[in-house]
PDB file of N, CA and C in Angstrom:
ATOM      1  N   UNK A   1      81.557  80.822  85.096  1.00  0.00           N
ATOM      2  CA  UNK A   1      81.264  82.094  85.687  1.00  0.00           C
ATOM      3  C   UNK A   1      81.201  81.983  87.213  1.00  0.00           C
ATOM      4  N   UNK A   2      80.616  80.911  87.696  1.00  0.00           N
ATOM      5  CA  UNK A   2      80.545  80.733  89.147  1.00  0.00           C
ATOM      6  C   UNK A   2      81.929  80.575  89.752  1.00  0.00           C
ATOM      7  N   UNK A   3      82.841  79.913  89.023  1.00  0.00           N
ATOM      8  CA  UNK A   3      84.208  79.775  89.528  1.00  0.00           C
ATOM      9  C   UNK A   3      84.864  81.140  89.673  1.00  0.00           C
ATOM     10  N   UNK A   4      84.611  82.024  88.720  1.00  0.00           N
ATOM     11  CA  UNK A   4      85.181  83.374  88.797  1.00  0.00           C
ATOM     12  C   UNK A   4      84.607  84.131  89.990  1.00  0.00           C
ATOM     13  N   UNK A   5      83.334  83.920  90.268  1.00  0.00           N
ATOM     14  CA  UNK A   5      82.710  84.590  91.410  1.00  0.00           C
ATOM     15  C   UNK A   5      83.260  84.038  92.719  1.00  0.00           C
ATOM     16  N   UNK A   6      83.547  82.738  92.743  1.00  0.00           N
ATOM     17  CA  UNK A   6      84.054  82.112  93.963  1.00  0.00           C
ATOM     18  C   UNK A   6      85.532  82.416  94.212  1.00  0.00           C
ATOM     19  N   UNK A   7      86.221  82.925  93.225  1.00  0.00           N
ATOM     20  CA  UNK A   7      87.640  83.236  93.355  1.00  0.00           C
ATOM     21  C   UNK A   7      87.843  84.165  94.548  1.00  0.00           C
ATOM     22  N   UNK A   8      88.696  83.745  95.485  1.00  0.00           N
ATOM     23  CA  UNK A   8      88.880  84.533  96.708  1.00  0.00           C
ATOM     24  C   UNK A   8      89.699  85.797  96.501  1.00  0.00           C
ATOM     25  N   UNK A   9      90.280  85.980  95.326  1.00  0.00           N
ATOM     26  CA  UNK A   9      91.052  87.190  95.054  1.00  0.00           C
ATOM     27  C   UNK A   9      90.181  88.284  94.443  1.00  0.00           C
ATOM     28  N   UNK A  10      88.943  87.952  94.156  1.00  0.00           N
ATOM     29  CA  UNK A  10      88.045  88.901  93.513  1.00  0.00           C
ATOM     30  C   UNK A  10      86.914  89.247  94.469  1.00  0.00           C
ATOM     31  N   UNK A  11      86.575  90.503  94.515  1.00  0.00           N
ATOM     32  CA  UNK A  11      85.471  90.940  95.362  1.00  0.00           C
ATOM     33  C   UNK A  11      84.373  91.514  94.472  1.00  0.00           C
ATOM     34  N   UNK A  12      83.193  90.964  94.581  1.00  0.00           N
ATOM     35  CA  UNK A  12      82.048  91.470  93.826  1.00  0.00           C
ATOM     36  C   UNK A  12      81.131  92.205  94.787  1.00  0.00           C
ATOM     37  N   UNK A  13      81.062  93.514  94.638  1.00  0.00           N
ATOM     38  CA  UNK A  13      80.232  94.325  95.527  1.00  0.00           C
ATOM     39  C   UNK A  13      79.063  94.892  94.734  1.00  0.00           C
ATOM     40  N   UNK A  14      77.912  94.863  95.337  1.00  0.00           N
ATOM     41  CA  UNK A  14      76.711  95.407  94.693  1.00  0.00           C
ATOM     42  C   UNK A  14      76.606  96.902  94.969  1.00  0.00           C
ATOM     43  N   UNK A  15      75.988  97.612  94.032  1.00  0.00           N
ATOM     44  CA  UNK A  15      75.732  99.037  94.210  1.00  0.00           C
ATOM     45  C   UNK A  15      74.402  99.354  93.551  1.00  0.00           C
ATOM     46  N   UNK A  16      73.769 100.401  94.008  1.00  0.00           N
ATOM     47  CA  UNK A  16      72.457 100.742  93.449  1.00  0.00           C
ATOM     48  C   UNK A  16      72.411 102.135  92.827  1.00  0.00           C
ATOM     49  N   UNK A  17      73.405 102.962  93.123  1.00  0.00           N
ATOM     50  CA  UNK A  17      73.418 104.315  92.554  1.00  0.00           C
ATOM     51  C   UNK A  17      74.811 104.626  92.029  1.00  0.00           C
ATOM     52  N   UNK A  18      74.904 105.564  91.100  1.00  0.00           N
ATOM     53  CA  UNK A  18      76.224 105.977  90.622  1.00  0.00           C
ATOM     54  C   UNK A  18      77.112 106.512  91.742  1.00  0.00           C
ATOM     55  N   UNK A  19      76.521 107.184  92.706  1.00  0.00           N
ATOM     56  CA  UNK A  19      77.289 107.712  93.835  1.00  0.00           C
ATOM     57  C   UNK A  19      77.903 106.577  94.644  1.00  0.00           C
ATOM     58  N   UNK A  20      77.119 105.537  94.866  1.00  0.00           N
ATOM     59  CA  UNK A  20      77.623 104.385  95.612  1.00  0.00           C
ATOM     60  C   UNK A  20      78.744 103.696  94.836  1.00  0.00           C
ATOM     61  N   UNK A  21      78.586 103.568  93.516  1.00  0.00           N
ATOM     62  CA  UNK A  21      79.644 102.993  92.687  1.00  0.00           C
ATOM     63  C   UNK A  21      80.908 103.842  92.785  1.00  0.00           C
ATOM     64  N   UNK A  22      80.757 105.155  92.758  1.00  0.00           N
ATOM     65  CA  UNK A  22      81.911 106.045  92.885  1.00  0.00           C
ATOM     66  C   UNK A  22      82.652 105.837  94.191  1.00  0.00           C
ATOM     67  N   UNK A  23      81.919 105.654  95.271  1.00  0.00           N
ATOM     68  CA  UNK A  23      82.555 105.409  96.577  1.00  0.00           C
ATOM     69  C   UNK A  23      83.309 104.079  96.580  1.00  0.00           C
ATOM     70  N   UNK A  24      82.709 103.059  95.971  1.00  0.00           N
ATOM     71  CA  UNK A  24      83.377 101.756  95.912  1.00  0.00           C
ATOM     72  C   UNK A  24      84.672 101.840  95.100  1.00  0.00           C
ATOM     73  N   UNK A  25      84.607 102.529  93.974  1.00  0.00           N
ATOM     74  CA  UNK A  25      85.804 102.688  93.138  1.00  0.00           C
ATOM     75  C   UNK A  25      86.859 103.498  93.877  1.00  0.00           C
ATOM     76  N   UNK A  26      86.442 104.564  94.532  1.00  0.00           N
ATOM     77  CA  UNK A  26      87.374 105.390  95.307  1.00  0.00           C
ATOM     78  C   UNK A  26      88.070 104.565  96.388  1.00  0.00           C
ATOM     79  N   UNK A  27      87.316 103.734  97.055  1.00  0.00           N
ATOM     80  CA  UNK A  27      87.879 102.887  98.106  1.00  0.00           C
ATOM     81  C   UNK A  27      88.874 101.886  97.530  1.00  0.00           C
ATOM     82  N   UNK A  28      88.508 101.265  96.402  1.00  0.00           N
ATOM     83  CA  UNK A  28      89.409 100.299  95.772  1.00  0.00           C
ATOM     84  C   UNK A  28      90.703 100.963  95.305  1.00  0.00           C
ATOM     85  N   UNK A  29      90.584 102.149  94.709  1.00  0.00           N
ATOM     86  CA  UNK A  29      91.780 102.856  94.250  1.00  0.00           C
ATOM     87  C   UNK A  29      92.678 103.256  95.414  1.00  0.00           C
ATOM     88  N   UNK A  30      92.083 103.680  96.512  1.00  0.00           N
ATOM     89  CA  UNK A  30      92.873 104.045  97.691  1.00  0.00           C
ATOM     90  C   UNK A  30      93.622 102.829  98.227  1.00  0.00           C
ATOM     91  N   UNK A  31      92.960 101.685  98.250  1.00  0.00           N
ATOM     92  CA  UNK A  31      93.608 100.464  98.712  1.00  0.00           C
ATOM     93  C   UNK A  31      94.759 100.074  97.791  1.00  0.00           C
ATOM     94  N   UNK A  32      94.529 100.133  96.478  1.00  0.00           N
ATOM     95  CA  UNK A  32      95.587  99.784  95.530  1.00  0.00           C
ATOM     96  C   UNK A  32      96.778 100.723  95.664  1.00  0.00           C
ATOM     97  N   UNK A  33      96.526 102.002  95.843  1.00  0.00           N
ATOM     98  CA  UNK A  33      97.601 102.979  95.987  1.00  0.00           C
ATOM     99  C   UNK A  33      98.401 102.729  97.259  1.00  0.00           C
ATOM    100  N   UNK A  34      97.722 102.430  98.354  1.00  0.00           N
ATOM    101  CA  UNK A  34      98.440 102.159  99.603  1.00  0.00           C
ATOM    102  C   UNK A  34      99.268 100.882  99.489  1.00  0.00           C
ATOM    103  N   UNK A  35      98.758  99.873  98.782  1.00  0.00           N
ATOM    104  CA  UNK A  35      99.531  98.644  98.577  1.00  0.00           C
ATOM    105  C   UNK A  35     100.771  98.919  97.738  1.00  0.00           C
ATOM    106  N   UNK A  36     100.645  99.788  96.742  1.00  0.00           N
ATOM    107  CA  UNK A  36     101.790 100.146  95.907  1.00  0.00           C
ATOM    108  C   UNK A  36     102.864 100.842  96.732  1.00  0.00           C
ATOM    109  N   UNK A  37     102.467 101.761  97.606  1.00  0.00           N
ATOM    110  CA  UNK A  37     103.429 102.439  98.468  1.00  0.00           C
ATOM    111  C   UNK A  37     104.103 101.458  99.422  1.00  0.00           C
ATOM    112  N   UNK A  38     103.336 100.522  99.963  1.00  0.00           N
ATOM    113  CA  UNK A  38     103.918  99.522 100.859  1.00  0.00           C
ATOM    114  C   UNK A  38     104.939  98.663 100.123  1.00  0.00           C
ATOM    115  N   UNK A  39     104.626  98.265  98.895  1.00  0.00           N
ATOM    116  CA  UNK A  39     105.568  97.465  98.106  1.00  0.00           C
ATOM    117  C   UNK A  39     106.845  98.245  97.832  1.00  0.00           C
ATOM    118  N   UNK A  40     106.712  99.531  97.533  1.00  0.00           N
ATOM    119  CA  UNK A  40     107.880 100.359  97.248  1.00  0.00           C
ATOM    120  C   UNK A  40     108.746 100.517  98.489  1.00  0.00           C
ATOM    121  N   UNK A  41     108.135 100.654  99.657  1.00  0.00           N
ATOM    122  CA  UNK A  41     108.904 100.789 100.895  1.00  0.00           C
ATOM    123  C   UNK A  41     109.648  99.502 101.207  1.00  0.00           C
ATOM    124  N   UNK A  42     109.002  98.368 101.027  1.00  0.00           N
ATOM    125  CA  UNK A  42     109.653  97.081 101.292  1.00  0.00           C
ATOM    126  C   UNK A  42     110.805  96.875 100.321  1.00  0.00           C
ATOM    127  N   UNK A  43     110.604  97.210  99.061  1.00  0.00           N
ATOM    128  CA  UNK A  43     111.657  97.029  98.065  1.00  0.00           C
ATOM    129  C   UNK A  43     112.837  97.949  98.337  1.00  0.00           C
ATOM    130  N   UNK A  44     112.596  99.093  98.952  1.00  0.00           N
ATOM    131  CA  UNK A  44     113.667 100.038  99.223  1.00  0.00           C
ATOM    132  C   UNK A  44     114.388  99.807 100.524  1.00  0.00           C
ATOM    133  N   UNK A  45     113.871  98.937 101.381  1.00  0.00           N
ATOM    134  CA  UNK A  45     114.521  98.714 102.675  1.00  0.00           C
ATOM    135  C   UNK A  45     115.715  97.785 102.514  1.00  0.00           C
ATOM    136  N   UNK A  46     116.828  98.066 103.200  1.00  0.00           N
ATOM    137  CA  UNK A  46     118.040  97.257 103.053  1.00  0.00           C
ATOM    138  C   UNK A  46     117.845  95.796 103.440  1.00  0.00           C
ATOM    139  N   UNK A  47     117.014  95.507 104.429  1.00  0.00           N
ATOM    140  CA  UNK A  47     116.862  94.126 104.878  1.00  0.00           C
ATOM    141  C   UNK A  47     116.060  93.286 103.898  1.00  0.00           C
ATOM    142  N   UNK A  48     115.220  93.896 103.107  1.00  0.00           N
ATOM    143  CA  UNK A  48     114.369  93.154 102.189  1.00  0.00           C
ATOM    144  C   UNK A  48     114.822  93.273 100.737  1.00  0.00           C
ATOM    145  N   UNK A  49     115.869  94.027 100.467  1.00  0.00           N
ATOM    146  CA  UNK A  49     116.244  94.320  99.091  1.00  0.00           C
ATOM    147  C   UNK A  49     116.515  93.070  98.279  1.00  0.00           C
ATOM    148  N   UNK A  50     117.143  92.059  98.873  1.00  0.00           N
ATOM    149  CA  UNK A  50     117.445  90.852  98.124  1.00  0.00           C
ATOM    150  C   UNK A  50     116.263  89.922  97.973  1.00  0.00           C
ATOM    151  N   UNK A  51     115.240  90.082  98.781  1.00  0.00           N
ATOM    152  CA  UNK A  51     114.110  89.166  98.766  1.00  0.00           C
ATOM    153  C   UNK A  51     112.971  89.630  97.873  1.00  0.00           C
ATOM    154  N   UNK A  52     112.864  90.905  97.632  1.00  0.00           N
ATOM    155  CA  UNK A  52     111.743  91.444  96.882  1.00  0.00           C
ATOM    156  C   UNK A  52     112.244  91.896  95.525  1.00  0.00           C
ATOM    157  N   UNK A  53     111.483  91.600  94.460  1.00  0.00           N
ATOM    158  CA  UNK A  53     111.864  92.020  93.125  1.00  0.00           C
ATOM    159  C   UNK A  53     111.772  93.521  92.965  1.00  0.00           C
ATOM    160  N   UNK A  54     112.328  94.001  91.871  1.00  0.00           N
ATOM    161  CA  UNK A  54     112.327  95.437  91.611  1.00  0.00           C
ATOM    162  C   UNK A  54     110.907  95.936  91.377  1.00  0.00           C
ATOM    163  N   UNK A  55     110.557  97.025  92.019  1.00  0.00           N
ATOM    164  CA  UNK A  55     109.251  97.645  91.830  1.00  0.00           C
ATOM    165  C   UNK A  55     109.467  98.885  90.988  1.00  0.00           C
ATOM    166  N   UNK A  56     108.868  98.920  89.809  1.00  0.00           N
ATOM    167  CA  UNK A  56     108.995 100.080  88.940  1.00  0.00           C
ATOM    168  C   UNK A  56     107.784 100.968  89.133  1.00  0.00           C
ATOM    169  N   UNK A  57     108.030 102.235  89.384  1.00  0.00           N
ATOM    170  CA  UNK A  57     106.946 103.172  89.636  1.00  0.00           C
ATOM    171  C   UNK A  57     106.630 104.021  88.416  1.00  0.00           C
ATOM    172  N   UNK A  58     107.114 103.605  87.242  1.00  0.00           N
ATOM    173  CA  UNK A  58     106.793 104.328  86.020  1.00  0.00           C
ATOM    174  C   UNK A  58     106.681 103.326  84.882  1.00  0.00           C
ATOM    175  N   UNK A  59     106.279 103.801  83.728  1.00  0.00           N
ATOM    176  CA  UNK A  59     106.156 102.917  82.581  1.00  0.00           C
ATOM    177  C   UNK A  59     107.226 103.190  81.526  1.00  0.00           C
ATOM    178  N   UNK A  60     108.297 103.853  81.927  1.00  0.00           N
ATOM    179  CA  UNK A  60     109.396 104.127  81.013  1.00  0.00           C
ATOM    180  C   UNK A  60     110.226 102.871  80.816  1.00  0.00           C
ATOM    181  N   UNK A  61     110.777 102.682  79.619  1.00  0.00           N
ATOM    182  CA  UNK A  61     111.624 101.505  79.418  1.00  0.00           C
ATOM    183  C   UNK A  61     112.895 101.616  80.252  1.00  0.00           C
ATOM    184  N   UNK A  62     113.459 100.467  80.597  1.00  0.00           N
ATOM    185  CA  UNK A  62     114.707 100.458  81.359  1.00  0.00           C
ATOM    186  C   UNK A  62     115.806 101.103  80.524  1.00  0.00           C
ATOM    187  N   UNK A  63     116.671 101.843  81.189  1.00  0.00           N
ATOM    188  CA  UNK A  63     117.752 102.521  80.487  1.00  0.00           C
ATOM    189  C   UNK A  63     118.710 101.487  79.918  1.00  0.00           C
ATOM    190  N   UNK A  64     119.106 101.679  78.671  1.00  0.00           N
ATOM    191  CA  UNK A  64     120.003 100.736  78.018  1.00  0.00           C
ATOM    192  C   UNK A  64     121.417 100.882  78.559  1.00  0.00           C
ATOM    193  N   UNK A  65     122.149  99.779  78.549  1.00  0.00           N
ATOM    194  CA  UNK A  65     123.549  99.809  78.969  1.00  0.00           C
ATOM    195  C   UNK A  65     124.389 100.392  77.843  1.00  0.00           C
ATOM    196  N   UNK A  66     125.380 101.206  78.164  1.00  0.00           N
ATOM    197  CA  UNK A  66     126.229 101.777  77.119  1.00  0.00           C
ATOM    198  C   UNK A  66     127.122 100.707  76.499  1.00  0.00           C
ATOM    199  N   UNK A  67     127.441 100.890  75.232  1.00  0.00           N
ATOM    200  CA  UNK A  67     128.323  99.963  74.530  1.00  0.00           C
ATOM    201  C   UNK A  67     129.727 100.539  74.396  1.00  0.00           C
ATOM    202  N   UNK A  68     130.000 101.636  75.094  1.00  0.00           N
ATOM    203  CA  UNK A  68     131.318 102.256  75.048  1.00  0.00           C
ATOM    204  C   UNK A  68     132.340 101.298  75.640  1.00  0.00           C
ATOM    205  N   UNK A  69     133.439 101.105  74.934  1.00  0.00           N
ATOM    206  CA  UNK A  69     134.486 100.216  75.418  1.00  0.00           C
ATOM    207  C   UNK A  69     134.210  98.750  75.139  1.00  0.00           C
ATOM    208  N   UNK A  70     133.240  98.463  74.293  1.00  0.00           N
ATOM    209  CA  UNK A  70     132.898  97.071  74.003  1.00  0.00           C
ATOM    210  C   UNK A  70     133.058  96.786  72.513  1.00  0.00           C
ATOM    211  N   UNK A  71     134.089  97.366  71.928  1.00  0.00           N
ATOM    212  CA  UNK A  71     134.300  97.218  70.494  1.00  0.00           C
ATOM    213  C   UNK A  71     134.485  95.759  70.088  1.00  0.00           C
ATOM    214  N   UNK A  72     135.207  94.983  70.907  1.00  0.00           N
ATOM    215  CA  UNK A  72     135.451  93.576  70.579  1.00  0.00           C
ATOM    216  C   UNK A  72     134.126  92.800  70.541  1.00  0.00           C
ATOM    217  N   UNK A  73     133.274  93.006  71.528  1.00  0.00           N
ATOM    218  CA  UNK A  73     131.985  92.316  71.548  1.00  0.00           C
ATOM    219  C   UNK A  73     131.105  92.752  70.381  1.00  0.00           C
ATOM    220  N   UNK A  74     131.133  94.049  70.065  1.00  0.00           N
ATOM    221  CA  UNK A  74     130.353  94.542  68.934  1.00  0.00           C
ATOM    222  C   UNK A  74     130.832  93.926  67.626  1.00  0.00           C
ATOM    223  N   UNK A  75     132.126  93.797  67.473  1.00  0.00           N
ATOM    224  CA  UNK A  75     132.678  93.185  66.264  1.00  0.00           C
ATOM    225  C   UNK A  75     132.262  91.721  66.168  1.00  0.00           C
ATOM    226  N   UNK A  76     132.315  90.995  67.276  1.00  0.00           N
ATOM    227  CA  UNK A  76     131.904  89.588  67.272  1.00  0.00           C
ATOM    228  C   UNK A  76     130.432  89.444  66.894  1.00  0.00           C
ATOM    229  N   UNK A  77     129.592  90.283  67.444  1.00  0.00           N
ATOM    230  CA  UNK A  77     128.168  90.234  67.116  1.00  0.00           C
ATOM    231  C   UNK A  77     127.950  90.577  65.650  1.00  0.00           C
ATOM    232  N   UNK A  78     128.654  91.582  65.161  1.00  0.00           N
ATOM    233  CA  UNK A  78     128.524  91.962  63.751  1.00  0.00           C
ATOM    234  C   UNK A  78     128.908  90.808  62.842  1.00  0.00           C
ATOM    235  N   UNK A  79     130.002  90.128  63.160  1.00  0.00           N
ATOM    236  CA  UNK A  79     130.441  88.988  62.351  1.00  0.00           C
ATOM    237  C   UNK A  79     129.410  87.860  62.378  1.00  0.00           C
ATOM    238  N   UNK A  80     128.841  87.602  63.533  1.00  0.00           N
ATOM    239  CA  UNK A  80     127.820  86.555  63.629  1.00  0.00           C
ATOM    240  C   UNK A  80     126.580  86.905  62.807  1.00  0.00           C
ATOM    241  N   UNK A  81     126.204  88.161  62.811  1.00  0.00           N
ATOM    242  CA  UNK A  81     125.031  88.579  62.050  1.00  0.00           C
ATOM    243  C   UNK A  81     125.271  88.548  60.547  1.00  0.00           C
ATOM    244  N   UNK A  82     126.508  88.749  60.138  1.00  0.00           N
ATOM    245  CA  UNK A  82     126.825  88.763  58.708  1.00  0.00           C
ATOM    246  C   UNK A  82     127.070  87.368  58.142  1.00  0.00           C
ATOM    247  N   UNK A  83     127.158  86.360  58.983  1.00  0.00           N
ATOM    248  CA  UNK A  83     127.353  84.985  58.504  1.00  0.00           C
ATOM    249  C   UNK A  83     126.159  84.525  57.678  1.00  0.00           C
ATOM    250  N   UNK A  84     126.456  83.797  56.581  1.00  0.00           N
ATOM    251  CA  UNK A  84     125.337  83.266  55.776  1.00  0.00           C
ATOM    252  C   UNK A  84     124.671  82.077  56.442  1.00  0.00           C
TER     253      UNK A  84
END
C-alpha cells in the first residue's frame, strides 16, 4: 500500500467536505479533458503524425475493410477452414 502511495503518477489529496471533494474531482476532470485535447491536436498535426499513435475519440469499433474484389482470398480462407 505504501508503494502505491509513493507512486509519482498518483496524487492522493485529502478533503473534508463533499463540496471540497467535488472541486477536486472537477479539477481532475478538467485536467484530463485538456490533456485529451492536447493529444488529439498533436496526433492531427502533420509534423507529428508519424510519431504519435492514433488517438480515438470514441468507443466505436474500427470500421471493417470491405471484402469486395477479394474473391480469391475469400476462397482460399474458405478452403483452409474446411480442411479436416
